[in-house]
C-alpha atoms as a PDB file:
ATOM      1  CA  MET A   1      79.786  42.865 -15.510  1.00  0.00           C
ATOM      2  CA  SER A   2      82.183  45.708 -15.943  1.00  0.00           C
ATOM      3  CA  ASP A   3      85.934  45.643 -16.837  1.00  0.00           C
ATOM      4  CA  LYS A   4      86.665  45.868 -13.155  1.00  0.00           C
ATOM      5  CA  ASP A   5      84.854  42.631 -12.299  1.00  0.00           C
ATOM      6  CA  GLU A   6      86.386  39.154 -12.145  1.00  0.00           C
ATOM      7  CA  ILE A   7      85.397  36.601 -14.675  1.00  0.00           C
ATOM      8  CA  HIS A   8      86.920  33.127 -14.268  1.00  0.00           C
ATOM      9  CA  THR A   9      84.627  30.851 -12.233  1.00  0.00           C
ATOM     10  CA  THR A  10      85.878  27.828 -10.311  1.00  0.00           C
ATOM     11  CA  GLU A  11      83.762  24.795  -9.656  1.00  0.00           C
ATOM     12  CA  GLY A  12      84.097  21.233  -8.515  1.00  0.00           C
ATOM     13  CA  PRO A  13      85.823  19.506  -5.652  1.00  0.00           C
ATOM     14  CA  THR A  14      88.687  20.845  -3.657  1.00  0.00           C
ATOM     15  CA  PRO A  15      91.993  20.428  -5.566  1.00  0.00           C
ATOM     16  CA  GLN A  16      94.460  17.819  -4.377  1.00  0.00           C
ATOM     17  CA  TYR A  17      97.340  20.342  -4.761  1.00  0.00           C
ATOM     18  CA  ASP A  18      96.295  22.269  -1.701  1.00  0.00           C
ATOM     19  CA  MET A  19      93.282  22.000   0.574  1.00  0.00           C
ATOM     20  CA  THR A  20      93.211  25.808   0.810  1.00  0.00           C
ATOM     21  CA  ARG A  21      91.919  27.428  -2.330  1.00  0.00           C
ATOM     22  CA  PHE A  22      93.027  30.868  -3.532  1.00  0.00           C
ATOM     23  CA  GLY A  23      90.088  32.760  -2.059  1.00  0.00           C
ATOM     24  CA  THR A  24      90.438  31.173   1.332  1.00  0.00           C
ATOM     25  CA  LEU A  25      94.106  31.902   1.427  1.00  0.00           C
ATOM     26  CA  LEU A  26      93.555  35.533   0.323  1.00  0.00           C
ATOM     27  CA  ARG A  27      91.018  36.040   3.046  1.00  0.00           C
ATOM     28  CA  SER A  28      93.338  34.500   5.633  1.00  0.00           C
ATOM     29  CA  LEU A  29      96.162  36.870   4.587  1.00  0.00           C
ATOM     30  CA  ARG A  30      93.839  39.809   4.818  1.00  0.00           C
ATOM     31  CA  GLU A  31      92.509  38.855   8.252  1.00  0.00           C
ATOM     32  CA  SER A  32      95.952  38.022   9.615  1.00  0.00           C
ATOM     33  CA  TYR A  33      97.344  41.404   8.486  1.00  0.00           C
ATOM     34  CA  PRO A  34      97.413  42.975  12.020  1.00  0.00           C
ATOM     35  CA  GLU A  35      99.385  40.001  13.449  1.00  0.00           C
ATOM     36  CA  ARG A  36     101.779  39.866  10.571  1.00  0.00           C
ATOM     37  CA  VAL A  37     102.384  43.588  10.564  1.00  0.00           C
ATOM     38  CA  GLY A  38     102.739  43.504  14.300  1.00  0.00           C
ATOM     39  CA  LYS A  39     105.626  41.042  14.082  1.00  0.00           C
ATOM     40  CA  LYS A  40     107.380  43.223  11.526  1.00  0.00           C
ATOM     41  CA  ARG A  41     106.739  46.488  13.374  1.00  0.00           C
ATOM     42  CA  PRO A  42     105.943  45.994  17.064  1.00  0.00           C
ATOM     43  CA  GLY A  43     103.956  48.907  18.476  1.00  0.00           C
ATOM     44  CA  SER A  44     102.719  49.969  15.159  1.00  0.00           C
ATOM     45  CA  ALA A  45      99.109  51.255  15.052  1.00  0.00           C
ATOM     46  CA  LEU A  46      98.514  49.131  12.026  1.00  0.00           C
ATOM     47  CA  ALA A  47      99.194  46.030  14.081  1.00  0.00           C
ATOM     48  CA  LYS A  48      96.010  46.844  16.062  1.00  0.00           C
ATOM     49  CA  THR A  49      93.796  47.610  13.107  1.00  0.00           C
ATOM     50  CA  LYS A  50      91.583  45.045  11.419  1.00  0.00           C
ATOM     51  CA  LEU A  51      91.894  45.291   7.659  1.00  0.00           C
ATOM     52  CA  ARG A  52      88.443  45.135   6.160  1.00  0.00           C
ATOM     53  CA  ALA A  53      87.856  44.105   2.540  1.00  0.00           C
ATOM     54  CA  ALA A  54      86.891  47.729   1.715  1.00  0.00           C
ATOM     55  CA  GLY A  55      90.220  48.964   3.046  1.00  0.00           C
ATOM     56  CA  LEU A  56      92.077  46.392   0.953  1.00  0.00           C
ATOM     57  CA  ILE A  57      90.018  47.312  -2.143  1.00  0.00           C
ATOM     58  CA  GLN A  58      90.960  50.965  -1.611  1.00  0.00           C
ATOM     59  CA  CYS A  59      94.664  49.986  -1.383  1.00  0.00           C
ATOM     60  CA  LEU A  60      94.480  47.766  -4.383  1.00  0.00           C
ATOM     61  CA  GLU A  61      93.029  50.695  -6.380  1.00  0.00           C
ATOM     62  CA  GLY A  62      95.934  52.824  -5.154  1.00  0.00           C
ATOM     63  CA  HIS A  63      98.333  50.344  -6.582  1.00  0.00           C
ATOM     64  CA  GLY A  64      96.684  50.159  -9.974  1.00  0.00           C
ATOM     65  CA  TYR A  65      94.202  47.262  -9.547  1.00  0.00           C
ATOM     66  CA  SER A  66      90.584  48.275  -9.672  1.00  0.00           C
ATOM     67  CA  VAL A  67      87.976  45.837  -8.381  1.00  0.00           C
ATOM     68  CA  SER A  68      84.401  46.277  -7.211  1.00  0.00           C
ATOM     69  CA  SER A  69      83.371  45.206  -3.737  1.00  0.00           C
ATOM     70  CA  GLY A  70      81.137  42.475  -5.200  1.00  0.00           C
ATOM     71  CA  ALA A  71      83.911  41.127  -7.374  1.00  0.00           C
ATOM     72  CA  TYR A  72      86.427  41.204  -4.503  1.00  0.00           C
ATOM     73  CA  SER A  73      83.855  39.270  -2.355  1.00  0.00           C
ATOM     74  CA  GLU A  74      83.700  36.637  -5.082  1.00  0.00           C
ATOM     75  CA  LEU A  75      87.464  36.310  -5.001  1.00  0.00           C
ATOM     76  CA  GLU A  76      87.498  35.582  -1.231  1.00  0.00           C
ATOM     77  CA  ARG A  77      84.533  33.170  -1.616  1.00  0.00           C
ATOM     78  CA  GLY A  78      86.357  31.247  -4.299  1.00  0.00           C
ATOM     79  CA  VAL A  79      83.696  31.984  -6.943  1.00  0.00           C
ATOM     80  CA  SER A  80      86.047  33.863  -9.298  1.00  0.00           C
ATOM     81  CA  LEU A  81      89.671  34.561 -10.001  1.00  0.00           C
ATOM     82  CA  PRO A  82      91.388  37.896 -10.779  1.00  0.00           C
ATOM     83  CA  LYS A  83      90.940  39.135 -14.288  1.00  0.00           C
ATOM     84  CA  ASP A  84      94.565  40.317 -14.405  1.00  0.00           C
ATOM     85  CA  PRO A  85      96.406  37.860 -12.104  1.00  0.00           C
ATOM     86  CA  LYS A  86      99.869  39.484 -12.372  1.00  0.00           C
ATOM     87  CA  ARG A  87      98.611  43.008 -11.558  1.00  0.00           C
ATOM     88  CA  PHE A  88      96.452  41.697  -8.797  1.00  0.00           C
ATOM     89  CA  LEU A  89      99.351  39.749  -7.172  1.00  0.00           C
ATOM     90  CA  ASP A  90     101.645  42.818  -7.515  1.00  0.00           C
ATOM     91  CA  ALA A  91      99.091  45.041  -5.792  1.00  0.00           C
ATOM     92  CA  VAL A  92      97.940  42.634  -3.076  1.00  0.00           C
ATOM     93  CA  THR A  93     101.610  41.919  -2.192  1.00  0.00           C
ATOM     94  CA  LYS A  94     102.126  45.577  -1.463  1.00  0.00           C
ATOM     95  CA  CYS A  95      98.808  46.129   0.288  1.00  0.00           C
ATOM     96  CA  LEU A  96      99.054  43.116   2.531  1.00  0.00           C
ATOM     97  CA  GLU A  97     102.850  43.492   3.070  1.00  0.00           C
ATOM     98  CA  LEU A  98     103.369  39.823   2.110  1.00  0.00           C
ATOM     99  CA  ASP A  99     106.723  38.179   2.730  1.00  0.00           C
ATOM    100  CA  ALA A 100     108.342  36.001   0.073  1.00  0.00           C
ATOM    101  CA  SER A 101     106.820  32.823   1.431  1.00  0.00           C
ATOM    102  CA  GLU A 102     103.359  34.234   1.521  1.00  0.00           C
ATOM    103  CA  VAL A 103     103.727  35.603  -2.051  1.00  0.00           C
ATOM    104  CA  GLY A 104     104.893  32.137  -3.224  1.00  0.00           C
ATOM    105  CA  ASP A 105     101.942  30.337  -1.544  1.00  0.00           C
ATOM    106  CA  LEU A 106      99.433  32.816  -2.953  1.00  0.00           C
ATOM    107  CA  THR A 107     101.046  32.695  -6.409  1.00  0.00           C
ATOM    108  CA  ASP A 108     101.133  28.896  -6.471  1.00  0.00           C
ATOM    109  CA  GLN A 109      97.495  28.611  -5.355  1.00  0.00           C
ATOM    110  CA  LEU A 110      96.338  31.174  -7.913  1.00  0.00           C
ATOM    111  CA  GLY A 111      98.296  29.438 -10.688  1.00  0.00           C
ATOM    112  CA  TYR A 112      96.786  26.066  -9.699  1.00  0.00           C
ATOM    113  CA  ASP A 113      93.265  27.514  -9.622  1.00  0.00           C
ATOM    114  CA  ILE A 114      93.743  29.231 -13.065  1.00  0.00           C
ATOM    115  CA  VAL A 115      95.040  26.027 -14.634  1.00  0.00           C
ATOM    116  CA  ARG A 116      92.277  24.020 -12.952  1.00  0.00           C
ATOM    117  CA  SER A 117      89.600  26.433 -14.138  1.00  0.00           C
ATOM    118  CA  ARG A 118      90.768  26.256 -17.820  1.00  0.00           C
ATOM    119  CA  LEU A 119      92.126  22.777 -18.184  1.00  0.00           C
ATOM    120  CA  GLY A 120      90.596  20.802 -15.374  1.00  0.00           C
ATOM    121  CA  GLU A 121      91.740  19.271 -12.114  1.00  0.00           C
ATOM    122  CA  ASP A 122      93.793  16.433 -13.677  1.00  0.00           C
ATOM    123  CA  ALA A 123      95.870  18.824 -15.730  1.00  0.00           C
ATOM    124  CA  ALA A 124      96.416  21.174 -12.780  1.00  0.00           C
ATOM    125  CA  ASN A 125      97.459  18.296 -10.554  1.00  0.00           C
ATOM    126  CA  HIS A 126      99.798  17.063 -13.246  1.00  0.00           C
ATOM    127  CA  VAL A 127     101.410  20.484 -13.896  1.00  0.00           C
ATOM    128  CA  PHE A 128     101.861  21.301 -10.154  1.00  0.00           C
ATOM    129  CA  LYS A 129     103.068  17.882  -9.200  1.00  0.00           C
ATOM    130  CA  ARG A 130     105.801  18.130 -11.809  1.00  0.00           C
ATOM    131  CA  ARG A 131     106.583  21.698 -10.647  1.00  0.00           C
ATOM    132  CA  SER A 132     106.822  20.524  -7.054  1.00  0.00           C
ATOM    133  CA  ALA A 133     109.082  17.701  -8.018  1.00  0.00           C
ATOM    134  CA  ARG A 134     111.466  20.026  -9.868  1.00  0.00           C
ATOM    135  CA  THR A 135     111.692  22.522  -6.990  1.00  0.00           C
ATOM    136  CA  SER A 136     112.101  19.958  -4.236  1.00  0.00           C
END
């Protein structure tokens, strides 16, 4: 495994915090790129273009986050988490042109999955339940 590859594995049942795990959400945002861009820029050629994982990987690299195609595939499958979460979120936000709500959802899910992978599901549920209560 190289420096570019992802390392944190996730296992176990689906978290109670959100039925959509980070990888599933990431894939959904990538696949919905044409529709989301089309709403922002009607008539744009990008709105008609399917964004493949390889294209996103190239964009991520252009924004300072290097990842192999295998490691990215593991991200979308929910097998691993980004090695450098902050840099990954910064780059993917630009590449997928995420709005504030989408960035928030992706950040929350990644945060949950990181806590869950290191401290367990009970701890993650506790932390994010408290966080949700404070922001409600």
